[in-house]
Amino acid sequence: QAQLVESGGGLVQPGGSLRLSCAASGFTLNKYAMNWYRQAPGNERELVATISSAGGTTTYAQFVKGRFTISRDNAKNTVYLQMNSLEPEDTAVYYCNAPTIRMWGQGTQVTVSS
């Protein structure tokens, strides 16, 4: 069964870092551009970052630019989101998404708090 599984979330202090992973199973990830989204309580889901299928092109939402980095390892069938200088406003459930095939992971909780 094809699926995306996120991991790497947790509780971190402001200014800290986390690396999220999104592992694909049941299909080959290297054909697809990938997104990371997030959704905070009471808010709509918002796009955080995008990476092209080969990884050569990345785009970021303004609110994470310079702090987050999206990357991928197609040999491992995995996409990553490195998050640095985390702020309480980054607290949310983070989801990976393969838009071409309309697939979503189950999400991983990131909480930034002292």
N, C-alpha and C. Protein backbone atom coordinates (compact mmCIF):
# COMPACT_ATOMS: atom_id res chain seq x y z
N GLN A 1 0.85 -1.18 0.00
CA GLN A 1 0.00 0.00 0.00
C GLN A 1 0.89 1.24 0.00
N ALA A 2 0.60 2.16 -0.91
CA ALA A 2 1.39 3.37 -1.01
C ALA A 2 1.05 4.30 0.14
N GLN A 3 2.11 4.84 0.77
CA GLN A 3 1.86 5.78 1.86
C GLN A 3 3.09 6.64 2.10
N LEU A 4 2.84 7.76 2.79
CA LEU A 4 3.89 8.65 3.27
C LEU A 4 3.84 8.65 4.79
N VAL A 5 4.99 8.55 5.42
CA VAL A 5 5.05 8.51 6.88
C VAL A 5 6.06 9.55 7.36
N GLU A 6 5.57 10.53 8.12
CA GLU A 6 6.43 11.56 8.68
C GLU A 6 6.96 11.12 10.05
N SER A 7 8.12 11.63 10.39
CA SER A 7 8.70 11.40 11.70
C SER A 7 9.64 12.55 12.03
N GLY A 8 10.07 12.59 13.29
CA GLY A 8 11.06 13.58 13.70
C GLY A 8 10.51 14.76 14.48
N GLY A 9 9.21 14.82 14.64
CA GLY A 9 8.64 15.90 15.43
C GLY A 9 8.91 15.72 16.91
N GLY A 10 8.54 16.74 17.68
CA GLY A 10 8.74 16.67 19.12
C GLY A 10 8.67 18.04 19.75
N LEU A 11 9.11 18.09 21.00
CA LEU A 11 9.13 19.33 21.77
C LEU A 11 10.55 19.90 21.75
N VAL A 12 10.65 21.17 21.40
CA VAL A 12 11.96 21.82 21.33
C VAL A 12 11.83 23.24 21.88
N GLN A 13 12.91 23.74 22.47
CA GLN A 13 12.90 25.10 22.99
C GLN A 13 13.06 26.11 21.86
N PRO A 14 12.58 27.32 22.06
CA PRO A 14 12.79 28.37 21.06
C PRO A 14 14.27 28.50 20.74
N GLY A 15 14.55 28.65 19.45
CA GLY A 15 15.92 28.72 18.99
C GLY A 15 16.52 27.37 18.64
N GLY A 16 15.83 26.30 18.96
CA GLY A 16 16.32 24.97 18.70
C GLY A 16 16.07 24.50 17.27
N SER A 17 16.43 23.25 17.03
CA SER A 17 16.32 22.68 15.68
C SER A 17 15.67 21.30 15.74
N LEU A 18 15.05 20.95 14.64
CA LEU A 18 14.52 19.61 14.42
C LEU A 18 14.68 19.28 12.94
N ARG A 19 14.79 17.99 12.64
CA ARG A 19 14.75 17.55 11.26
C ARG A 19 13.61 16.56 11.09
N LEU A 20 12.68 16.91 10.24
CA LEU A 20 11.57 16.04 9.93
C LEU A 20 11.92 15.18 8.73
N SER A 21 11.40 13.96 8.75
CA SER A 21 11.57 13.05 7.62
C SER A 21 10.20 12.62 7.11
N CYS A 22 10.15 12.38 5.82
CA CYS A 22 8.93 11.87 5.18
C CYS A 22 9.35 10.71 4.30
N ALA A 23 9.05 9.51 4.74
CA ALA A 23 9.45 8.31 4.02
C ALA A 23 8.28 7.76 3.22
N ALA A 24 8.56 7.47 1.97
CA ALA A 24 7.54 6.90 1.09
C ALA A 24 7.70 5.39 1.03
N SER A 25 6.59 4.71 1.01
CA SER A 25 6.61 3.26 0.80
C SER A 25 5.52 2.89 -0.19
N GLY A 26 5.78 1.83 -0.95
CA GLY A 26 4.80 1.37 -1.92
C GLY A 26 4.83 2.11 -3.24
N PHE A 27 5.68 3.12 -3.37
CA PHE A 27 5.84 3.81 -4.63
C PHE A 27 7.18 4.53 -4.62
N THR A 28 7.59 4.97 -5.81
CA THR A 28 8.89 5.62 -5.96
C THR A 28 8.71 7.13 -5.92
N LEU A 29 9.40 7.74 -4.96
CA LEU A 29 9.22 9.16 -4.71
C LEU A 29 9.89 10.04 -5.76
N ASN A 30 10.88 9.52 -6.48
CA ASN A 30 11.71 10.37 -7.30
C ASN A 30 11.00 10.93 -8.54
N LYS A 31 9.78 10.48 -8.79
CA LYS A 31 9.03 11.01 -9.92
C LYS A 31 8.31 12.31 -9.59
N TYR A 32 8.24 12.65 -8.30
CA TYR A 32 7.30 13.67 -7.87
C TYR A 32 7.94 14.83 -7.12
N ALA A 33 7.46 16.03 -7.41
CA ALA A 33 7.72 17.15 -6.53
C ALA A 33 7.02 16.88 -5.20
N MET A 34 7.58 17.43 -4.14
CA MET A 34 7.05 17.18 -2.80
C MET A 34 6.90 18.49 -2.04
N ASN A 35 5.92 18.51 -1.17
CA ASN A 35 5.66 19.66 -0.32
C ASN A 35 5.71 19.29 1.14
N TRP A 36 6.05 20.27 1.97
CA TRP A 36 5.76 20.23 3.39
C TRP A 36 4.72 21.31 3.69
N TYR A 37 3.70 20.93 4.43
CA TYR A 37 2.69 21.83 4.91
C TYR A 37 2.69 21.80 6.45
N ARG A 38 2.00 22.76 7.02
CA ARG A 38 1.78 22.71 8.47
C ARG A 38 0.40 23.27 8.79
N GLN A 39 -0.10 22.83 9.93
CA GLN A 39 -1.40 23.32 10.39
C GLN A 39 -1.36 23.48 11.90
N ALA A 40 -1.57 24.71 12.34
CA ALA A 40 -1.65 25.02 13.75
C ALA A 40 -3.10 24.99 14.18
N PRO A 41 -3.37 24.76 15.45
CA PRO A 41 -4.75 24.71 15.94
C PRO A 41 -5.52 25.98 15.58
N GLY A 42 -6.69 25.79 14.99
CA GLY A 42 -7.52 26.92 14.62
C GLY A 42 -7.15 27.60 13.32
N ASN A 43 -6.07 27.13 12.71
CA ASN A 43 -5.60 27.75 11.45
C ASN A 43 -5.79 26.80 10.28
N GLU A 44 -5.78 27.36 9.09
CA GLU A 44 -5.80 26.54 7.89
C GLU A 44 -4.41 25.94 7.64
N ARG A 45 -4.41 24.86 6.90
CA ARG A 45 -3.13 24.26 6.52
C ARG A 45 -2.41 25.19 5.56
N GLU A 46 -1.11 25.38 5.78
CA GLU A 46 -0.36 26.31 4.95
C GLU A 46 0.90 25.65 4.40
N LEU A 47 1.24 26.05 3.19
CA LEU A 47 2.42 25.51 2.52
C LEU A 47 3.68 26.09 3.13
N VAL A 48 4.62 25.22 3.44
CA VAL A 48 5.88 25.63 4.06
C VAL A 48 7.02 25.64 3.03
N ALA A 49 7.14 24.55 2.28
CA ALA A 49 8.26 24.43 1.35
C ALA A 49 7.93 23.40 0.28
N THR A 50 8.59 23.57 -0.87
CA THR A 50 8.42 22.67 -2.01
C THR A 50 9.77 22.31 -2.58
N ILE A 51 9.89 21.08 -3.06
CA ILE A 51 11.12 20.65 -3.73
C ILE A 51 10.75 19.90 -5.00
N SER A 52 11.50 20.15 -6.07
CA SER A 52 11.24 19.48 -7.34
C SER A 52 11.63 18.01 -7.26
N SER A 53 11.25 17.25 -8.28
CA SER A 53 11.45 15.80 -8.23
C SER A 53 12.93 15.41 -8.11
N ALA A 54 13.79 16.14 -8.78
CA ALA A 54 15.22 15.83 -8.70
C ALA A 54 15.93 16.61 -7.60
N GLY A 55 15.21 17.52 -6.97
CA GLY A 55 15.79 18.27 -5.87
C GLY A 55 16.49 19.55 -6.25
N GLY A 56 16.47 19.90 -7.54
CA GLY A 56 17.22 21.06 -7.97
C GLY A 56 16.57 22.39 -7.71
N THR A 57 15.27 22.37 -7.47
CA THR A 57 14.53 23.61 -7.23
C THR A 57 13.76 23.51 -5.93
N THR A 58 13.91 24.53 -5.10
CA THR A 58 13.19 24.60 -3.83
C THR A 58 12.56 25.97 -3.69
N THR A 59 11.43 26.00 -3.03
CA THR A 59 10.77 27.27 -2.71
C THR A 59 10.29 27.21 -1.27
N TYR A 60 10.17 28.39 -0.67
CA TYR A 60 9.82 28.48 0.74
C TYR A 60 8.78 29.57 0.97
N ALA A 61 7.94 29.34 1.98
CA ALA A 61 7.09 30.41 2.45
C ALA A 61 7.96 31.47 3.10
N GLN A 62 7.52 32.71 3.01
CA GLN A 62 8.31 33.80 3.54
C GLN A 62 8.59 33.63 5.03
N PHE A 63 7.65 33.05 5.74
CA PHE A 63 7.79 32.98 7.20
C PHE A 63 8.82 31.94 7.66
N VAL A 64 9.35 31.11 6.74
CA VAL A 64 10.40 30.16 7.12
C VAL A 64 11.69 30.37 6.34
N LYS A 65 11.66 31.28 5.40
CA LYS A 65 12.83 31.49 4.55
C LYS A 65 14.05 31.86 5.38
N GLY A 66 15.14 31.15 5.12
CA GLY A 66 16.37 31.38 5.86
C GLY A 66 16.50 30.55 7.12
N ARG A 67 15.41 29.91 7.54
CA ARG A 67 15.45 29.10 8.76
C ARG A 67 15.24 27.61 8.45
N PHE A 68 14.42 27.31 7.45
CA PHE A 68 14.09 25.92 7.11
C PHE A 68 14.74 25.55 5.78
N THR A 69 15.09 24.28 5.65
CA THR A 69 15.64 23.77 4.40
C THR A 69 14.96 22.45 4.04
N ILE A 70 14.41 22.40 2.85
CA ILE A 70 13.82 21.16 2.34
C ILE A 70 14.86 20.46 1.48
N SER A 71 14.93 19.14 1.60
CA SER A 71 15.86 18.36 0.79
C SER A 71 15.26 16.97 0.57
N ARG A 72 15.92 16.21 -0.25
CA ARG A 72 15.44 14.85 -0.51
C ARG A 72 16.61 13.94 -0.83
N ASP A 73 16.40 12.67 -0.52
CA ASP A 73 17.34 11.62 -0.88
C ASP A 73 16.53 10.57 -1.62
N ASN A 74 16.54 10.64 -2.93
CA ASN A 74 15.69 9.73 -3.70
C ASN A 74 16.14 8.28 -3.58
N ALA A 75 17.41 8.07 -3.29
CA ALA A 75 17.88 6.70 -3.08
C ALA A 75 17.24 6.09 -1.83
N LYS A 76 16.91 6.96 -0.87
CA LYS A 76 16.26 6.49 0.36
C LYS A 76 14.75 6.69 0.32
N ASN A 77 14.27 7.23 -0.80
CA ASN A 77 12.83 7.45 -0.95
C ASN A 77 12.27 8.34 0.18
N THR A 78 13.04 9.38 0.53
CA THR A 78 12.73 10.20 1.69
C THR A 78 12.94 11.67 1.38
N VAL A 79 12.06 12.49 1.94
CA VAL A 79 12.16 13.94 1.88
C VAL A 79 12.35 14.45 3.31
N TYR A 80 13.11 15.53 3.44
CA TYR A 80 13.43 16.06 4.77
C TYR A 80 13.03 17.53 4.88
N LEU A 81 12.85 17.97 6.11
CA LEU A 81 12.70 19.38 6.41
C LEU A 81 13.56 19.69 7.63
N GLN A 82 14.67 20.37 7.38
CA GLN A 82 15.52 20.82 8.46
C GLN A 82 15.00 22.16 8.96
N MET A 83 14.70 22.23 10.23
CA MET A 83 14.11 23.44 10.82
C MET A 83 15.05 23.98 11.88
N ASN A 84 15.56 25.17 11.66
CA ASN A 84 16.47 25.83 12.60
C ASN A 84 15.83 27.09 13.14
N SER A 85 16.39 27.60 14.21
CA SER A 85 15.90 28.85 14.82
C SER A 85 14.39 28.81 15.02
N LEU A 86 13.93 27.73 15.57
CA LEU A 86 12.49 27.54 15.73
C LEU A 86 11.91 28.56 16.71
N GLU A 87 10.68 28.94 16.39
CA GLU A 87 9.94 29.94 17.17
C GLU A 87 8.64 29.32 17.65
N PRO A 88 8.07 29.84 18.72
CA PRO A 88 6.78 29.29 19.18
C PRO A 88 5.71 29.30 18.08
N GLU A 89 5.81 30.25 17.17
CA GLU A 89 4.83 30.34 16.08
C GLU A 89 4.96 29.19 15.08
N ASP A 90 6.04 28.44 15.18
CA ASP A 90 6.22 27.28 14.30
C ASP A 90 5.50 26.04 14.83
N THR A 91 4.93 26.14 16.01
CA THR A 91 4.19 25.01 16.57
C THR A 91 3.02 24.65 15.68
N ALA A 92 2.99 23.38 15.27
CA ALA A 92 1.96 22.92 14.34
C ALA A 92 2.15 21.43 14.09
N VAL A 93 1.19 20.83 13.43
CA VAL A 93 1.37 19.50 12.86
C VAL A 93 1.92 19.69 11.45
N TYR A 94 3.01 19.01 11.15
CA TYR A 94 3.66 19.13 9.86
C TYR A 94 3.35 17.90 9.02
N TYR A 95 2.98 18.16 7.76
CA TYR A 95 2.58 17.10 6.84
C TYR A 95 3.43 17.15 5.58
N CYS A 96 3.77 16.00 5.07
CA CYS A 96 4.34 15.97 3.73
C CYS A 96 3.25 15.59 2.74
N ASN A 97 3.46 16.02 1.50
CA ASN A 97 2.42 15.91 0.48
C ASN A 97 3.06 15.69 -0.87
N ALA A 98 2.49 14.75 -1.61
CA ALA A 98 2.87 14.55 -3.00
C ALA A 98 1.70 15.04 -3.84
N PRO A 99 1.75 16.26 -4.32
CA PRO A 99 0.55 16.85 -4.93
C PRO A 99 0.10 16.17 -6.20
N THR A 100 1.02 15.65 -6.98
CA THR A 100 0.63 15.05 -8.25
C THR A 100 -0.27 13.84 -8.06
N ILE A 101 -0.03 13.11 -7.00
CA ILE A 101 -0.82 11.90 -6.72
C ILE A 101 -1.74 12.11 -5.52
N ARG A 102 -1.83 13.37 -5.06
CA ARG A 102 -2.78 13.75 -4.00
C ARG A 102 -2.62 12.89 -2.76
N MET A 103 -1.38 12.67 -2.38
CA MET A 103 -1.12 11.83 -1.21
C MET A 103 -0.59 12.67 -0.06
N TRP A 104 -1.07 12.37 1.14
CA TRP A 104 -0.66 13.05 2.36
C TRP A 104 -0.18 12.03 3.39
N GLY A 105 0.77 12.46 4.20
CA GLY A 105 1.14 11.67 5.35
C GLY A 105 0.18 11.95 6.50
N GLN A 106 0.44 11.29 7.63
CA GLN A 106 -0.46 11.42 8.78
C GLN A 106 -0.10 12.62 9.65
N GLY A 107 1.08 13.19 9.43
CA GLY A 107 1.51 14.36 10.18
C GLY A 107 2.37 14.02 11.37
N THR A 108 3.21 14.98 11.76
CA THR A 108 4.04 14.85 12.94
C THR A 108 3.98 16.18 13.71
N GLN A 109 3.80 16.08 15.02
CA GLN A 109 3.60 17.28 15.84
C GLN A 109 4.95 17.93 16.17
N VAL A 110 5.03 19.22 15.95
CA VAL A 110 6.18 20.02 16.36
C VAL A 110 5.68 21.06 17.36
N THR A 111 6.28 21.06 18.54
CA THR A 111 5.91 22.03 19.57
C THR A 111 7.16 22.78 19.99
N VAL A 112 7.09 24.10 19.89
CA VAL A 112 8.21 24.95 20.26
C VAL A 112 7.81 25.74 21.50
N SER A 113 8.43 25.41 22.61
CA SER A 113 8.03 26.02 23.87
C SER A 113 9.17 25.91 24.87
N SER A 114 9.24 26.90 25.74
CA SER A 114 10.22 26.85 26.82
C SER A 114 9.61 26.26 28.08
